[in-house]
C-alpha cells in the first residue's frame, strides 16, 4: 500500500513539473494571455482582410499577432524605389539583435496584386535572398490592399501598366498591431527604426 502511495506522489510531482516548464520559460502563458487580450481600436488586426503569402498559403493579419511587425508596400516589377525599399528592409533585418530575430516579422505587401501572384512573390523572395521564415510577402484583393495602405498612410496610383507611383514608408507595429513608428524616404539611416524595434522587444 505504501509503495502505491509513493508511486502516485512521484507521478503527481512529475506531472506538476511538466506543467511548470511551460510557465518557467514565460512563452506559453504570455502568448496565450496576449491572444486573449482585447484589441484596441488602433490595431490593424481589426481589419477583416484575407491574404495569400509567397507560399500560396491563405493567411490573415492577425496570424502574426504577438510579433513585432515591420511593413513596407512594394511591387515586384518596380525598377526605381522598390529595390531601395527592399534593401532598406534587409539592412534593418541584418542589424536587429539576434536575440530578437524570432520576435520580428518583415511584411512586404504588394500594391499590384494582379501581377504579383504567389509564384512571382516566391521568385522575388528567392532573388532577393529573403527566404527565411521572418520574411513574409503578401498579396490580397484590390480593396483589401487599399484599406491596408490607408492604415499605413501609403498612397499609390497606377500610372501605366506595371508602373505605380507610391509612398516610400517603412512602418513598425507593436505586438498588438498598433502603429509604433514610421520612417519615410529611401536609403535613410535605419538606426532609429532598429532602436524602436529593440524598444518593443524589451516591452514584450
Protein backbone atom coordinates (compact mmCIF):
# COMPACT_ATOMS: atom_id res chain seq x y z
CA UNK A 1 0.00 0.00 0.00
CA UNK A 2 2.79 2.39 1.00
CA UNK A 3 4.59 1.58 -2.26
CA UNK A 4 1.47 2.54 -4.26
CA UNK A 5 1.18 5.89 -2.43
CA UNK A 6 4.82 6.73 -3.20
CA UNK A 7 4.30 5.94 -6.88
CA UNK A 8 1.23 8.20 -7.01
CA UNK A 9 3.16 11.05 -5.38
CA UNK A 10 6.06 10.67 -7.81
CA UNK A 11 3.66 10.76 -10.75
CA UNK A 12 1.96 13.89 -9.35
CA UNK A 13 5.28 15.71 -8.87
CA UNK A 14 6.42 14.73 -12.36
CA UNK A 15 3.18 15.97 -13.94
CA UNK A 16 3.38 19.23 -11.99
CA UNK A 17 6.96 19.79 -13.16
CA UNK A 18 5.95 19.37 -16.79
CA UNK A 19 3.24 21.97 -16.38
CA UNK A 20 5.62 24.36 -14.66
CA UNK A 21 8.08 24.09 -17.55
CA UNK A 22 5.63 25.92 -19.80
CA UNK A 23 5.33 28.86 -17.43
CA UNK A 24 9.00 28.91 -16.48
CA UNK A 25 10.12 29.83 -19.98
CA UNK A 26 7.49 32.55 -19.97
CA UNK A 27 6.30 31.93 -23.53
CA UNK A 28 3.24 29.71 -23.36
CA UNK A 29 1.22 31.75 -20.86
CA UNK A 30 2.40 35.15 -22.11
CA UNK A 31 1.41 34.43 -25.71
CA UNK A 32 -1.93 32.95 -24.64
CA UNK A 33 -2.72 35.99 -22.48
CA UNK A 34 -1.80 38.30 -25.32
CA UNK A 35 -4.13 36.49 -27.71
CA UNK A 36 -6.97 36.73 -25.20
CA UNK A 37 -6.35 40.45 -24.59
CA UNK A 38 -8.92 42.60 -26.46
CA UNK A 39 -7.60 44.51 -29.45
CA UNK A 40 -7.64 48.30 -29.31
CA UNK A 41 -9.43 50.31 -31.97
CA UNK A 42 -6.00 51.30 -33.31
CA UNK A 43 -4.91 47.76 -34.11
CA UNK A 44 -4.60 46.75 -37.75
CA UNK A 45 -5.57 43.25 -36.63
CA UNK A 46 -9.16 44.52 -36.67
CA UNK A 47 -9.04 44.51 -40.47
CA UNK A 48 -11.07 41.58 -41.87
CA UNK A 49 -8.79 41.25 -44.91
CA UNK A 50 -7.61 37.96 -46.38
CA UNK A 51 -4.18 37.50 -47.92
CA UNK A 52 -2.06 34.96 -49.75
CA UNK A 53 1.64 34.66 -48.99
CA UNK A 54 4.58 33.71 -51.19
CA UNK A 55 3.99 30.04 -50.39
CA UNK A 56 0.44 30.28 -51.75
CA UNK A 57 -0.98 29.91 -48.25
CA UNK A 58 -4.04 31.90 -47.21
CA UNK A 59 -3.40 33.99 -44.09
CA UNK A 60 -4.95 36.77 -42.03
CA UNK A 61 -3.02 39.64 -40.50
CA UNK A 62 -3.98 38.51 -37.01
CA UNK A 63 -1.99 35.32 -37.62
CA UNK A 64 1.06 37.46 -36.85
CA UNK A 65 -0.22 38.78 -33.54
CA UNK A 66 2.43 38.52 -30.86
CA UNK A 67 5.20 39.54 -33.27
CA UNK A 68 6.76 42.95 -33.85
CA UNK A 69 5.79 43.77 -37.44
CA UNK A 70 7.89 45.80 -39.87
CA UNK A 71 5.91 46.60 -43.03
CA UNK A 72 6.58 48.09 -46.44
CA UNK A 73 4.40 48.19 -49.55
CA UNK A 74 6.10 47.43 -52.88
CA UNK A 75 5.51 45.75 -56.23
CA UNK A 76 7.90 43.30 -57.83
CA UNK A 77 8.10 44.89 -61.29
CA UNK A 78 9.24 48.21 -59.79
CA UNK A 79 12.65 49.30 -61.07
CA UNK A 80 13.02 52.58 -59.18
CA UNK A 81 12.21 52.97 -55.48
CA UNK A 82 11.15 49.43 -54.53
CA UNK A 83 14.63 47.91 -54.84
CA UNK A 84 15.82 50.59 -52.42
CA UNK A 85 12.96 49.84 -50.02
CA UNK A 86 13.81 46.15 -50.16
CA UNK A 87 17.45 46.99 -49.48
CA UNK A 88 16.39 49.14 -46.51
CA UNK A 89 14.34 46.26 -45.11
CA UNK A 90 17.25 43.88 -45.46
CA UNK A 91 19.52 46.40 -43.74
CA UNK A 92 17.09 46.69 -40.81
CA UNK A 93 16.75 42.91 -40.51
CA UNK A 94 20.52 42.40 -40.54
CA UNK A 95 21.05 44.90 -37.69
CA UNK A 96 18.28 43.79 -35.33
CA UNK A 97 19.90 41.94 -32.39
CA UNK A 98 19.89 38.19 -32.93
CA UNK A 99 18.10 37.57 -29.65
CA UNK A 100 15.09 39.48 -31.05
CA UNK A 101 15.08 38.00 -34.54
CA UNK A 102 12.45 35.35 -33.73
CA UNK A 103 10.12 38.05 -32.38
CA UNK A 104 10.02 40.12 -35.59
CA UNK A 105 8.22 39.60 -38.89
CA UNK A 106 9.01 41.61 -42.00
CA UNK A 107 5.96 42.03 -44.23
CA UNK A 108 6.29 43.15 -47.84
CA UNK A 109 2.80 43.80 -49.17
CA UNK A 110 2.19 44.10 -52.91
CA UNK A 111 0.32 47.11 -54.30
CA UNK A 112 -0.05 45.22 -57.60
CA UNK A 113 -1.86 42.00 -56.64
CA UNK A 114 -2.94 41.31 -60.22
CA UNK A 115 0.67 40.91 -61.34
CA UNK A 116 2.23 39.73 -58.10
CA UNK A 117 0.98 36.17 -57.91
CA UNK A 118 2.25 33.90 -55.12
CA UNK A 119 4.63 32.33 -57.63
CA UNK A 120 6.03 35.73 -58.56
CA UNK A 121 6.39 36.74 -54.93
CA UNK A 122 8.19 33.48 -54.21
CA UNK A 123 10.62 34.04 -57.08
CA UNK A 124 11.17 37.62 -55.86
CA UNK A 125 11.94 36.41 -52.33
CA UNK A 126 14.49 33.93 -53.68
CA UNK A 127 16.06 36.50 -55.98
CA UNK A 128 16.49 38.90 -53.06
CA UNK A 129 17.68 36.22 -50.60
CA UNK A 130 14.66 36.75 -48.35
CA UNK A 131 13.58 33.14 -47.94
CA UNK A 132 13.80 32.70 -44.16
CA UNK A 133 10.67 32.49 -42.00
CA UNK A 134 10.89 36.12 -40.86
CA UNK A 135 10.20 37.34 -44.41
CA UNK A 136 6.54 37.40 -45.46
CA UNK A 137 5.32 38.54 -48.89
CA UNK A 138 1.59 39.18 -49.16
CA UNK A 139 -0.95 39.87 -51.87
CA UNK A 140 -4.67 40.48 -51.40
CA UNK A 141 -7.68 41.83 -53.22
CA UNK A 142 -7.52 45.37 -54.57
CA UNK A 143 -9.97 46.57 -51.90
CA UNK A 144 -8.08 44.90 -49.04
CA UNK A 145 -4.82 46.33 -50.35
CA UNK A 146 -6.30 49.84 -50.49
CA UNK A 147 -7.68 49.50 -46.98
CA UNK A 148 -4.35 48.30 -45.62
CA UNK A 149 -2.49 51.11 -47.42
CA UNK A 150 -4.81 53.64 -45.77
CA UNK A 151 -3.83 52.33 -42.34
CA UNK A 152 -0.17 52.85 -43.23
CA UNK A 153 -0.84 56.27 -44.85
CA UNK A 154 0.68 54.85 -48.04
CA UNK A 155 -0.59 56.45 -51.25
CA UNK A 156 -0.20 54.70 -54.58
CA UNK A 157 -1.52 55.12 -58.08
CA UNK A 158 -1.14 53.15 -61.29
CA UNK A 159 0.40 55.43 -63.88
CA UNK A 160 0.86 52.82 -66.62
CA UNK A 161 0.73 49.02 -66.91
CA UNK A 162 3.23 47.55 -64.42
CA UNK A 163 4.17 51.01 -63.14
CA UNK A 164 2.95 52.78 -59.99
CA UNK A 165 3.76 55.93 -58.11
CA UNK A 166 3.70 55.28 -54.37
CA UNK A 167 4.81 56.42 -50.93
CA UNK A 168 8.10 55.10 -49.57
CA UNK A 169 7.25 54.36 -45.95
CA UNK A 170 8.51 51.67 -43.57
CA UNK A 171 6.20 51.12 -40.58
CA UNK A 172 6.79 49.36 -37.27
CA UNK A 173 3.85 47.89 -35.34
CA UNK A 174 3.82 46.54 -31.80
CA UNK A 175 2.76 43.01 -30.91
CA UNK A 176 -0.91 44.08 -30.78
CA UNK A 177 -0.83 45.58 -34.27
CA UNK A 178 -0.70 49.23 -33.20
CA UNK A 179 1.47 51.66 -35.15
CA UNK A 180 4.61 52.47 -33.17
CA UNK A 181 6.94 54.19 -35.63
CA UNK A 182 7.27 55.19 -39.28
CA UNK A 183 10.07 56.45 -41.46
CA UNK A 184 9.65 57.89 -44.93
CA UNK A 185 12.25 58.09 -47.64
CA UNK A 186 14.86 55.92 -49.29
CA UNK A 187 18.29 54.99 -48.03
CA UNK A 188 17.69 56.79 -44.72
CA UNK A 189 19.75 55.78 -41.69
CA UNK A 190 17.99 52.77 -40.17
CA UNK A 191 19.30 53.20 -36.61
CA UNK A 192 16.13 54.89 -35.31
CA UNK A 193 13.95 52.14 -36.79
CA UNK A 194 16.13 49.49 -35.19
CA UNK A 195 16.03 51.31 -31.85
CA UNK A 196 12.22 51.28 -31.97
CA UNK A 197 12.20 47.55 -32.69
CA UNK A 198 14.53 46.97 -29.75
CA UNK A 199 12.28 49.12 -27.52
CA UNK A 200 9.31 46.95 -28.42
CA UNK A 201 11.36 43.81 -27.87
CA UNK A 202 12.16 44.84 -24.32
CA UNK A 203 8.47 45.51 -23.62
CA UNK A 204 7.18 42.16 -24.88
